[in-house]
Amino acid sequence: MLYADSFCSYTEDKRGYIYKGPCRQCKKETRAIIPPPELYAYRQGTRLQHAMPSVSDGDREFLLTGNCSICWQKMLDEEEGDGNFE
């Protein structure tokens, strides 16, 4: 969780750990909720996508890179574009 550990704050509630921070692209505040057992598995060395199955792909992307799900999808769409990857 490279981005989340460096640029987000977190709180705890009955759902788990709530990481909050700005999207690196659009600056909108973004949140991701991680259940405690999943955060523990990640901290013990399990790869993020395997440690956090209940966390959406977009939220995992935010935790890693700081891009919210909307900006992440826009970047994916631009990469796919017309197939020209110059």
N, C-alpha and C. Protein backbone atom coordinates (compact mmCIF):
# COMPACT_ATOMS: atom_id res chain seq x y z
N MET A 1 0.84 -1.17 0.00
CA MET A 1 0.00 0.00 0.00
C MET A 1 0.89 1.23 0.00
N LEU A 2 1.66 1.34 -1.01
CA LEU A 2 2.65 2.39 -1.08
C LEU A 2 2.06 3.77 -0.87
N TYR A 3 1.01 4.10 -1.59
CA TYR A 3 0.41 5.43 -1.47
C TYR A 3 -0.27 5.61 -0.12
N ALA A 4 -1.09 4.65 0.26
CA ALA A 4 -1.87 4.77 1.50
C ALA A 4 -0.98 4.95 2.72
N ASP A 5 0.11 4.23 2.79
CA ASP A 5 0.98 4.33 3.95
C ASP A 5 1.70 5.67 4.03
N SER A 6 1.89 6.32 2.92
CA SER A 6 2.63 7.58 2.90
C SER A 6 1.76 8.83 2.86
N PHE A 7 0.60 8.74 2.22
CA PHE A 7 -0.17 9.96 1.95
C PHE A 7 -1.61 9.95 2.48
N CYS A 8 -2.01 8.90 3.13
CA CYS A 8 -3.38 8.81 3.64
C CYS A 8 -3.40 8.78 5.16
N SER A 9 -4.53 9.17 5.69
CA SER A 9 -4.77 8.97 7.12
C SER A 9 -5.74 7.80 7.24
N TYR A 10 -5.83 7.25 8.43
CA TYR A 10 -6.80 6.19 8.60
C TYR A 10 -7.45 6.28 9.98
N THR A 11 -8.65 5.75 10.04
CA THR A 11 -9.39 5.60 11.28
C THR A 11 -9.88 4.17 11.34
N GLU A 12 -10.37 3.79 12.49
CA GLU A 12 -10.91 2.45 12.66
C GLU A 12 -12.37 2.54 13.09
N ASP A 13 -13.18 1.62 12.59
CA ASP A 13 -14.54 1.47 13.09
C ASP A 13 -14.90 0.00 12.99
N LYS A 14 -16.17 -0.33 13.17
CA LYS A 14 -16.58 -1.73 13.20
C LYS A 14 -16.35 -2.44 11.87
N ARG A 15 -16.24 -1.69 10.77
CA ARG A 15 -16.00 -2.31 9.46
C ARG A 15 -14.54 -2.62 9.22
N GLY A 16 -13.67 -1.88 9.88
CA GLY A 16 -12.23 -2.09 9.70
C GLY A 16 -11.48 -0.78 9.66
N TYR A 17 -10.43 -0.77 8.87
CA TYR A 17 -9.58 0.42 8.74
C TYR A 17 -10.05 1.23 7.53
N ILE A 18 -10.29 2.50 7.75
CA ILE A 18 -10.77 3.38 6.68
C ILE A 18 -9.62 4.32 6.33
N TYR A 19 -9.04 4.10 5.15
CA TYR A 19 -7.97 4.96 4.65
C TYR A 19 -8.58 6.06 3.82
N LYS A 20 -8.16 7.31 4.07
CA LYS A 20 -8.68 8.46 3.33
C LYS A 20 -7.51 9.30 2.84
N GLY A 21 -7.66 9.78 1.62
CA GLY A 21 -6.65 10.67 1.07
C GLY A 21 -7.09 11.20 -0.27
N PRO A 22 -6.35 12.16 -0.81
CA PRO A 22 -6.71 12.74 -2.11
C PRO A 22 -6.26 11.86 -3.26
N CYS A 23 -7.08 11.80 -4.29
CA CYS A 23 -6.66 11.14 -5.53
C CYS A 23 -5.52 11.97 -6.13
N ARG A 24 -4.51 11.31 -6.63
CA ARG A 24 -3.37 12.02 -7.21
C ARG A 24 -3.73 12.76 -8.48
N GLN A 25 -4.79 12.33 -9.17
CA GLN A 25 -5.16 12.97 -10.43
C GLN A 25 -6.19 14.09 -10.24
N CYS A 26 -7.34 13.74 -9.67
CA CYS A 26 -8.45 14.71 -9.59
C CYS A 26 -8.53 15.42 -8.24
N LYS A 27 -7.73 14.98 -7.27
CA LYS A 27 -7.66 15.58 -5.93
C LYS A 27 -8.89 15.33 -5.06
N LYS A 28 -9.86 14.57 -5.55
CA LYS A 28 -11.06 14.25 -4.78
C LYS A 28 -10.69 13.34 -3.62
N GLU A 29 -11.28 13.60 -2.43
CA GLU A 29 -11.02 12.71 -1.29
C GLU A 29 -11.57 11.32 -1.61
N THR A 30 -10.75 10.32 -1.39
CA THR A 30 -11.10 8.95 -1.69
C THR A 30 -10.93 8.12 -0.43
N ARG A 31 -11.79 7.12 -0.28
CA ARG A 31 -11.74 6.25 0.89
C ARG A 31 -11.69 4.79 0.46
N ALA A 32 -11.02 4.01 1.25
CA ALA A 32 -11.00 2.56 1.06
C ALA A 32 -11.09 1.92 2.43
N ILE A 33 -11.98 0.95 2.58
CA ILE A 33 -12.17 0.26 3.84
C ILE A 33 -11.54 -1.13 3.74
N ILE A 34 -10.71 -1.45 4.71
CA ILE A 34 -10.02 -2.74 4.73
C ILE A 34 -10.38 -3.48 6.01
N PRO A 35 -10.97 -4.67 5.89
CA PRO A 35 -11.25 -5.47 7.08
C PRO A 35 -9.94 -5.85 7.79
N PRO A 36 -9.93 -5.85 9.12
CA PRO A 36 -8.70 -6.14 9.86
C PRO A 36 -7.96 -7.42 9.44
N PRO A 37 -8.67 -8.56 9.24
CA PRO A 37 -7.91 -9.76 8.85
C PRO A 37 -7.20 -9.62 7.50
N GLU A 38 -7.79 -8.83 6.60
CA GLU A 38 -7.19 -8.64 5.29
C GLU A 38 -5.97 -7.73 5.37
N LEU A 39 -6.05 -6.68 6.19
CA LEU A 39 -4.88 -5.83 6.38
C LEU A 39 -3.76 -6.62 7.05
N TYR A 40 -4.12 -7.45 8.01
CA TYR A 40 -3.12 -8.28 8.68
C TYR A 40 -2.43 -9.21 7.68
N ALA A 41 -3.21 -9.87 6.82
CA ALA A 41 -2.63 -10.77 5.82
C ALA A 41 -1.66 -10.01 4.91
N TYR A 42 -2.04 -8.80 4.51
CA TYR A 42 -1.16 -8.00 3.66
C TYR A 42 0.13 -7.65 4.40
N ARG A 43 0.01 -7.23 5.64
CA ARG A 43 1.18 -6.84 6.43
C ARG A 43 2.10 -8.04 6.70
N GLN A 44 1.56 -9.25 6.60
CA GLN A 44 2.36 -10.45 6.80
C GLN A 44 3.01 -10.93 5.50
N GLY A 45 2.78 -10.22 4.41
CA GLY A 45 3.47 -10.52 3.17
C GLY A 45 2.64 -11.09 2.04
N THR A 46 1.34 -11.27 2.26
CA THR A 46 0.47 -11.75 1.19
C THR A 46 0.29 -10.63 0.17
N ARG A 47 0.34 -10.99 -1.11
CA ARG A 47 0.16 -9.98 -2.16
C ARG A 47 -1.21 -9.31 -2.00
N LEU A 48 -1.25 -8.01 -2.30
CA LEU A 48 -2.43 -7.20 -2.06
C LEU A 48 -3.70 -7.82 -2.64
N GLN A 49 -3.66 -8.25 -3.89
CA GLN A 49 -4.86 -8.77 -4.53
C GLN A 49 -5.34 -10.07 -3.88
N HIS A 50 -4.45 -10.80 -3.23
CA HIS A 50 -4.85 -12.03 -2.55
C HIS A 50 -5.21 -11.76 -1.09
N ALA A 51 -4.58 -10.79 -0.49
CA ALA A 51 -4.83 -10.47 0.92
C ALA A 51 -6.16 -9.76 1.12
N MET A 52 -6.61 -9.02 0.10
CA MET A 52 -7.80 -8.17 0.26
C MET A 52 -8.88 -8.49 -0.77
N PRO A 53 -9.44 -9.70 -0.72
CA PRO A 53 -10.44 -10.06 -1.72
C PRO A 53 -11.74 -9.26 -1.62
N SER A 54 -12.05 -8.72 -0.45
CA SER A 54 -13.30 -7.96 -0.32
C SER A 54 -13.15 -6.50 -0.73
N VAL A 55 -11.92 -6.06 -0.97
CA VAL A 55 -11.66 -4.68 -1.38
C VAL A 55 -11.72 -4.63 -2.92
N SER A 56 -12.43 -3.67 -3.45
CA SER A 56 -12.59 -3.58 -4.91
C SER A 56 -11.25 -3.31 -5.60
N ASP A 57 -11.19 -3.65 -6.87
CA ASP A 57 -9.99 -3.38 -7.66
C ASP A 57 -9.64 -1.90 -7.63
N GLY A 58 -10.65 -1.04 -7.76
CA GLY A 58 -10.42 0.40 -7.75
C GLY A 58 -9.87 0.89 -6.42
N ASP A 59 -10.40 0.34 -5.32
CA ASP A 59 -9.89 0.74 -4.01
C ASP A 59 -8.48 0.23 -3.78
N ARG A 60 -8.18 -0.97 -4.25
CA ARG A 60 -6.81 -1.48 -4.12
C ARG A 60 -5.85 -0.61 -4.94
N GLU A 61 -6.29 -0.17 -6.12
CA GLU A 61 -5.46 0.71 -6.94
C GLU A 61 -5.19 2.02 -6.20
N PHE A 62 -6.22 2.56 -5.55
CA PHE A 62 -6.03 3.78 -4.78
C PHE A 62 -5.00 3.56 -3.67
N LEU A 63 -5.11 2.47 -2.95
CA LEU A 63 -4.18 2.19 -1.86
C LEU A 63 -2.74 2.09 -2.35
N LEU A 64 -2.56 1.55 -3.55
CA LEU A 64 -1.21 1.39 -4.10
C LEU A 64 -0.67 2.64 -4.77
N THR A 65 -1.48 3.27 -5.61
CA THR A 65 -0.96 4.35 -6.46
C THR A 65 -1.52 5.73 -6.16
N GLY A 66 -2.66 5.78 -5.43
CA GLY A 66 -3.27 7.07 -5.15
C GLY A 66 -4.24 7.54 -6.21
N ASN A 67 -4.54 6.70 -7.18
CA ASN A 67 -5.51 7.07 -8.22
C ASN A 67 -6.87 6.50 -7.86
N CYS A 68 -7.91 7.36 -7.80
CA CYS A 68 -9.25 6.88 -7.49
C CYS A 68 -9.75 5.98 -8.62
N SER A 69 -10.82 5.26 -8.38
CA SER A 69 -11.29 4.30 -9.37
C SER A 69 -11.71 4.97 -10.68
N ILE A 70 -12.25 6.20 -10.61
CA ILE A 70 -12.66 6.90 -11.83
C ILE A 70 -11.43 7.29 -12.66
N CYS A 71 -10.43 7.86 -12.02
CA CYS A 71 -9.22 8.26 -12.74
C CYS A 71 -8.46 7.04 -13.24
N TRP A 72 -8.44 5.98 -12.45
CA TRP A 72 -7.79 4.74 -12.87
C TRP A 72 -8.45 4.19 -14.13
N GLN A 73 -9.80 4.20 -14.15
CA GLN A 73 -10.51 3.70 -15.32
C GLN A 73 -10.23 4.58 -16.54
N LYS A 74 -10.17 5.89 -16.35
CA LYS A 74 -9.85 6.79 -17.46
C LYS A 74 -8.47 6.49 -18.03
N MET A 75 -7.50 6.22 -17.14
CA MET A 75 -6.15 5.89 -17.61
C MET A 75 -6.14 4.58 -18.37
N LEU A 76 -6.91 3.59 -17.89
CA LEU A 76 -6.99 2.31 -18.61
C LEU A 76 -7.63 2.50 -19.98
N ASP A 77 -8.69 3.30 -20.03
CA ASP A 77 -9.36 3.56 -21.31
C ASP A 77 -8.43 4.24 -22.29
N GLU A 78 -7.62 5.20 -21.80
CA GLU A 78 -6.68 5.90 -22.67
C GLU A 78 -5.61 4.95 -23.19
N GLU A 79 -5.14 4.03 -22.33
CA GLU A 79 -4.13 3.06 -22.76
C GLU A 79 -4.67 2.14 -23.84
N GLU A 80 -5.94 1.72 -23.68
CA GLU A 80 -6.52 0.82 -24.67
C GLU A 80 -6.80 1.57 -25.96
N GLY A 81 -7.28 2.79 -25.85
CA GLY A 81 -7.50 3.69 -26.99
C GLY A 81 -7.70 3.02 -28.31
N ASP A 82 -6.88 3.39 -29.27
CA ASP A 82 -7.02 2.83 -30.61
C ASP A 82 -5.98 1.74 -30.88
N GLY A 83 -5.31 1.27 -29.85
CA GLY A 83 -4.32 0.22 -30.04
C GLY A 83 -2.95 0.75 -30.41
N ASN A 84 -2.79 2.06 -30.50
CA ASN A 84 -1.51 2.67 -30.86
C ASN A 84 -0.80 3.07 -29.57
N PHE A 85 0.23 2.32 -29.21
CA PHE A 85 0.92 2.56 -27.94
C PHE A 85 2.28 3.19 -28.16
N GLU A 86 2.35 4.28 -28.85
CA GLU A 86 3.62 4.94 -29.13
C GLU A 86 4.07 5.74 -27.95
